[in-house]
Amino acid sequence: MTIGNKTLEEFARNADGQTYDGRKVAQWLFEAMTGKPMSDAEAADLVREAQERAARRRKG
């Protein structure tokens, strides 16, 4: 699947070519599922919240 002629990998890959931008992953997946774009701010909030939840789980 492509959005804007880019696959998820192409859209979210960082400049180093080996890692991915979680914010861009969230944006691509959101648009793939809803057909609507997600703003950078919304994506950043979503990633931040996920990182906070993961940190709480790791602390046990």
Protein backbone atom coordinates (compact mmCIF):
# COMPACT_ATOMS: atom_id res chain seq x y z
CA MET A 1 0.00 0.00 0.00
CA THR A 2 1.16 3.52 -0.70
CA ILE A 3 0.04 6.92 0.46
CA GLY A 4 1.22 9.88 -1.58
CA ASN A 5 3.13 7.39 -3.73
CA LYS A 6 5.22 6.30 -0.71
CA THR A 7 5.22 3.04 1.20
CA LEU A 8 5.32 3.16 4.99
CA GLU A 9 9.03 2.38 4.87
CA GLU A 10 9.76 5.19 2.40
CA PHE A 11 7.62 7.71 4.29
CA ALA A 12 8.96 7.03 7.78
CA ARG A 13 12.65 6.22 7.19
CA ASN A 14 15.11 8.61 8.85
CA ALA A 15 18.01 10.11 6.94
CA ASP A 16 20.37 7.42 8.32
CA GLY A 17 18.43 4.85 6.29
CA GLN A 18 18.34 2.42 9.20
CA THR A 19 15.83 3.85 11.68
CA TYR A 20 12.28 5.16 11.45
CA ASP A 21 10.44 8.20 12.77
CA GLY A 22 7.62 7.02 15.04
CA ARG A 23 5.70 10.22 14.38
CA LYS A 24 5.75 9.53 10.64
CA VAL A 25 4.73 5.90 11.19
CA ALA A 26 1.69 7.09 13.17
CA GLN A 27 0.77 9.59 10.46
CA TRP A 28 1.05 7.06 7.64
CA LEU A 29 -0.94 4.39 9.48
CA PHE A 30 -3.64 6.87 10.51
CA GLU A 31 -4.09 8.02 6.93
CA ALA A 32 -4.07 4.43 5.66
CA MET A 33 -6.86 3.51 8.07
CA THR A 34 -9.01 6.66 7.95
CA GLY A 35 -8.18 8.33 4.65
CA LYS A 36 -7.48 11.53 6.60
CA PRO A 37 -4.12 13.10 7.41
CA MET A 38 -2.80 13.44 10.96
CA SER A 39 -0.97 16.62 11.94
CA ASP A 40 2.62 16.60 13.17
CA ALA A 41 1.42 17.79 16.58
CA GLU A 42 -1.15 15.00 16.89
CA ALA A 43 1.41 12.40 15.86
CA ALA A 44 4.00 13.77 18.30
CA ASP A 45 1.44 13.63 21.13
CA LEU A 46 0.52 10.05 20.24
CA VAL A 47 4.17 8.93 20.22
CA ARG A 48 4.92 10.77 23.48
CA GLU A 49 1.94 9.11 25.19
CA ALA A 50 3.02 5.68 23.93
CA GLN A 51 6.57 6.25 25.18
CA GLU A 52 5.24 7.29 28.61
CA ARG A 53 3.05 4.17 28.83
CA ALA A 54 5.99 1.98 27.84
CA ALA A 55 8.19 3.60 30.49
CA ARG A 56 5.55 2.99 33.17
CA ARG A 57 5.27 -0.68 32.14
CA ARG A 58 9.02 -1.13 32.30
CA LYS A 59 9.07 0.26 35.85
CA GLY A 60 6.52 -2.40 36.76
